[in-house]
Amino acid sequence: MKAIFPGLALALAFVATTIPADAKGCIKGAVVGGIAGHYAGHHAVLGAAAGCLIGRHAAKQHEKAMQNTPPDQAH
């Protein structure tokens, strides 16, 4: 098992660098979720993951709303 772990970690790092990142909303959501999770029973990682998902969903909704808005009313 110890011999497999470094190779697995290296493969995972390689795959992570080849996938294009589309993280609009994720970082802000992860920070807020991590802080909230920490204060709600020391679940910062779970809060960060949930915050990332919620932030990404909100960013997609905002992007969709901006596409449907006429150009003269867009911010």
N, C-alpha and C. Protein backbone atom coordinates (compact mmCIF):
# COMPACT_ATOMS: atom_id res chain seq x y z
N MET A 1 0.83 -1.20 0.00
CA MET A 1 0.00 0.00 0.00
C MET A 1 0.86 1.26 0.00
N LYS A 2 1.96 1.23 0.76
CA LYS A 2 2.83 2.41 0.83
C LYS A 2 3.49 2.71 -0.50
N ALA A 3 3.75 1.68 -1.29
CA ALA A 3 4.39 1.89 -2.59
C ALA A 3 3.40 2.42 -3.63
N ILE A 4 2.14 2.15 -3.46
CA ILE A 4 1.11 2.59 -4.41
C ILE A 4 0.75 4.06 -4.19
N PHE A 5 0.78 4.51 -2.95
CA PHE A 5 0.32 5.86 -2.63
C PHE A 5 1.07 6.97 -3.37
N PRO A 6 2.40 6.98 -3.43
CA PRO A 6 3.08 8.06 -4.18
C PRO A 6 2.72 8.08 -5.66
N GLY A 7 2.59 6.91 -6.26
CA GLY A 7 2.21 6.86 -7.67
C GLY A 7 0.79 7.34 -7.89
N LEU A 8 -0.09 6.97 -6.98
CA LEU A 8 -1.49 7.40 -7.06
C LEU A 8 -1.59 8.92 -6.88
N ALA A 9 -0.84 9.46 -5.93
CA ALA A 9 -0.85 10.90 -5.69
C ALA A 9 -0.31 11.65 -6.91
N LEU A 10 0.75 11.12 -7.52
CA LEU A 10 1.31 11.75 -8.70
C LEU A 10 0.32 11.71 -9.88
N ALA A 11 -0.34 10.58 -10.06
CA ALA A 11 -1.33 10.46 -11.13
C ALA A 11 -2.50 11.41 -10.91
N LEU A 12 -2.95 11.52 -9.67
CA LEU A 12 -4.06 12.42 -9.35
C LEU A 12 -3.66 13.88 -9.59
N ALA A 13 -2.44 14.24 -9.22
CA ALA A 13 -1.97 15.61 -9.45
C ALA A 13 -1.88 15.90 -10.95
N PHE A 14 -1.45 14.92 -11.73
CA PHE A 14 -1.36 15.10 -13.18
C PHE A 14 -2.74 15.30 -13.79
N VAL A 15 -3.70 14.49 -13.39
CA VAL A 15 -5.06 14.61 -13.91
C VAL A 15 -5.68 15.94 -13.50
N ALA A 16 -5.42 16.37 -12.28
CA ALA A 16 -5.99 17.64 -11.80
C ALA A 16 -5.46 18.82 -12.58
N THR A 17 -4.23 18.72 -13.07
CA THR A 17 -3.67 19.85 -13.83
C THR A 17 -4.13 19.87 -15.28
N THR A 18 -4.64 18.75 -15.78
CA THR A 18 -5.06 18.70 -17.18
C THR A 18 -6.53 19.04 -17.36
N ILE A 19 -7.30 19.05 -16.29
CA ILE A 19 -8.72 19.37 -16.37
C ILE A 19 -8.88 20.89 -16.27
N PRO A 20 -9.58 21.53 -17.20
CA PRO A 20 -9.74 22.99 -17.11
C PRO A 20 -10.60 23.36 -15.90
N ALA A 21 -10.18 24.36 -15.18
CA ALA A 21 -10.89 24.79 -13.98
C ALA A 21 -11.97 25.79 -14.36
N ASP A 22 -13.16 25.57 -13.86
CA ASP A 22 -14.28 26.48 -14.06
C ASP A 22 -14.87 26.72 -12.68
N ALA A 23 -14.19 27.56 -11.91
CA ALA A 23 -14.50 27.68 -10.49
C ALA A 23 -15.18 28.99 -10.12
N LYS A 24 -15.94 29.58 -11.02
CA LYS A 24 -16.63 30.81 -10.68
C LYS A 24 -17.60 30.53 -9.53
N GLY A 25 -17.44 31.27 -8.45
CA GLY A 25 -18.32 31.11 -7.29
C GLY A 25 -17.84 30.07 -6.31
N CYS A 26 -16.99 29.17 -6.73
CA CYS A 26 -16.57 28.07 -5.86
C CYS A 26 -15.67 28.56 -4.73
N ILE A 27 -14.71 29.41 -5.04
CA ILE A 27 -13.75 29.85 -4.03
C ILE A 27 -14.45 30.64 -2.92
N LYS A 28 -15.27 31.60 -3.32
CA LYS A 28 -15.98 32.40 -2.32
C LYS A 28 -16.92 31.52 -1.49
N GLY A 29 -17.62 30.61 -2.15
CA GLY A 29 -18.52 29.70 -1.44
C GLY A 29 -17.78 28.78 -0.50
N ALA A 30 -16.60 28.31 -0.93
CA ALA A 30 -15.81 27.42 -0.08
C ALA A 30 -15.31 28.13 1.16
N VAL A 31 -14.89 29.39 1.01
CA VAL A 31 -14.42 30.15 2.17
C VAL A 31 -15.56 30.37 3.16
N VAL A 32 -16.69 30.82 2.66
CA VAL A 32 -17.84 31.07 3.54
C VAL A 32 -18.33 29.77 4.17
N GLY A 33 -18.42 28.72 3.36
CA GLY A 33 -18.87 27.42 3.89
C GLY A 33 -17.90 26.83 4.88
N GLY A 34 -16.60 27.00 4.64
CA GLY A 34 -15.60 26.49 5.57
C GLY A 34 -15.67 27.18 6.92
N ILE A 35 -15.85 28.50 6.90
CA ILE A 35 -15.97 29.24 8.16
C ILE A 35 -17.25 28.84 8.89
N ALA A 36 -18.35 28.76 8.16
CA ALA A 36 -19.61 28.36 8.78
C ALA A 36 -19.53 26.94 9.33
N GLY A 37 -18.91 26.04 8.57
CA GLY A 37 -18.77 24.66 9.02
C GLY A 37 -17.89 24.55 10.24
N HIS A 38 -16.86 25.38 10.32
CA HIS A 38 -15.97 25.36 11.49
C HIS A 38 -16.73 25.73 12.75
N TYR A 39 -17.54 26.76 12.66
CA TYR A 39 -18.29 27.21 13.84
C TYR A 39 -19.50 26.32 14.12
N ALA A 40 -19.92 25.51 13.19
CA ALA A 40 -21.07 24.62 13.38
C ALA A 40 -20.59 23.20 13.67
N GLY A 41 -19.68 23.05 14.58
CA GLY A 41 -19.29 21.72 15.01
C GLY A 41 -18.03 21.20 14.37
N HIS A 42 -17.10 22.08 13.99
CA HIS A 42 -15.81 21.68 13.44
C HIS A 42 -15.93 20.81 12.19
N HIS A 43 -16.78 21.21 11.27
CA HIS A 43 -16.96 20.52 10.00
C HIS A 43 -16.56 21.46 8.85
N ALA A 44 -15.35 22.00 8.93
CA ALA A 44 -14.92 23.00 7.96
C ALA A 44 -14.79 22.42 6.55
N VAL A 45 -14.28 21.20 6.44
CA VAL A 45 -14.10 20.61 5.11
C VAL A 45 -15.45 20.33 4.46
N LEU A 46 -16.37 19.80 5.22
CA LEU A 46 -17.71 19.53 4.70
C LEU A 46 -18.40 20.84 4.33
N GLY A 47 -18.24 21.86 5.15
CA GLY A 47 -18.82 23.17 4.85
C GLY A 47 -18.21 23.79 3.61
N ALA A 48 -16.90 23.62 3.44
CA ALA A 48 -16.23 24.17 2.26
C ALA A 48 -16.71 23.48 0.99
N ALA A 49 -16.88 22.17 1.05
CA ALA A 49 -17.36 21.43 -0.12
C ALA A 49 -18.78 21.85 -0.48
N ALA A 50 -19.63 21.96 0.52
CA ALA A 50 -21.01 22.38 0.27
C ALA A 50 -21.05 23.82 -0.22
N GLY A 51 -20.23 24.68 0.37
CA GLY A 51 -20.17 26.08 -0.06
C GLY A 51 -19.71 26.22 -1.49
N CYS A 52 -18.77 25.38 -1.90
CA CYS A 52 -18.29 25.40 -3.28
C CYS A 52 -19.42 25.03 -4.24
N LEU A 53 -20.15 23.99 -3.90
CA LEU A 53 -21.26 23.58 -4.77
C LEU A 53 -22.34 24.65 -4.85
N ILE A 54 -22.68 25.24 -3.72
CA ILE A 54 -23.71 26.27 -3.71
C ILE A 54 -23.23 27.52 -4.44
N GLY A 55 -21.98 27.90 -4.23
CA GLY A 55 -21.42 29.07 -4.91
C GLY A 55 -21.37 28.89 -6.41
N ARG A 56 -21.00 27.68 -6.86
CA ARG A 56 -20.95 27.40 -8.30
C ARG A 56 -22.35 27.46 -8.90
N HIS A 57 -23.34 26.92 -8.18
CA HIS A 57 -24.72 26.96 -8.66
C HIS A 57 -25.20 28.40 -8.78
N ALA A 58 -24.90 29.22 -7.78
CA ALA A 58 -25.32 30.62 -7.81
C ALA A 58 -24.64 31.36 -8.96
N ALA A 59 -23.37 31.06 -9.22
CA ALA A 59 -22.66 31.71 -10.33
C ALA A 59 -23.28 31.32 -11.67
N LYS A 60 -23.67 30.06 -11.83
CA LYS A 60 -24.32 29.63 -13.07
C LYS A 60 -25.65 30.34 -13.25
N GLN A 61 -26.42 30.47 -12.18
CA GLN A 61 -27.71 31.16 -12.25
C GLN A 61 -27.51 32.63 -12.63
N HIS A 62 -26.49 33.27 -12.05
CA HIS A 62 -26.22 34.67 -12.36
C HIS A 62 -25.79 34.82 -13.82
N GLU A 63 -24.95 33.90 -14.28
CA GLU A 63 -24.49 33.93 -15.68
C GLU A 63 -25.67 33.75 -16.64
N LYS A 64 -26.57 32.85 -16.30
CA LYS A 64 -27.74 32.62 -17.15
C LYS A 64 -28.65 33.86 -17.16
N ALA A 65 -28.80 34.51 -16.01
CA ALA A 65 -29.62 35.71 -15.93
C ALA A 65 -29.01 36.84 -16.74
N MET A 66 -27.67 36.94 -16.72
CA MET A 66 -27.01 37.99 -17.49
C MET A 66 -27.13 37.76 -18.99
N GLN A 67 -27.20 36.51 -19.43
CA GLN A 67 -27.38 36.20 -20.85
C GLN A 67 -28.78 36.56 -21.31
N ASN A 68 -29.76 36.49 -20.43
CA ASN A 68 -31.14 36.77 -20.80
C ASN A 68 -31.49 38.25 -20.66
N THR A 69 -30.59 39.06 -20.10
CA THR A 69 -30.83 40.48 -19.91
C THR A 69 -30.45 41.24 -21.18
N PRO A 70 -31.26 42.18 -21.62
CA PRO A 70 -30.89 42.99 -22.79
C PRO A 70 -29.58 43.73 -22.52
N PRO A 71 -28.76 43.98 -23.55
CA PRO A 71 -27.45 44.60 -23.37
C PRO A 71 -27.48 45.97 -22.70
N ASP A 72 -28.52 46.76 -22.91
CA ASP A 72 -28.56 48.09 -22.32
C ASP A 72 -28.84 48.06 -20.82
N GLN A 73 -29.34 46.93 -20.29
CA GLN A 73 -29.64 46.82 -18.87
C GLN A 73 -28.60 45.99 -18.12
N ALA A 74 -27.65 45.42 -18.80
CA ALA A 74 -26.64 44.58 -18.15
C ALA A 74 -25.70 45.45 -17.32
N HIS A 75 -25.21 44.89 -16.22
CA HIS A 75 -24.32 45.62 -15.30
C HIS A 75 -22.92 45.33 -15.71
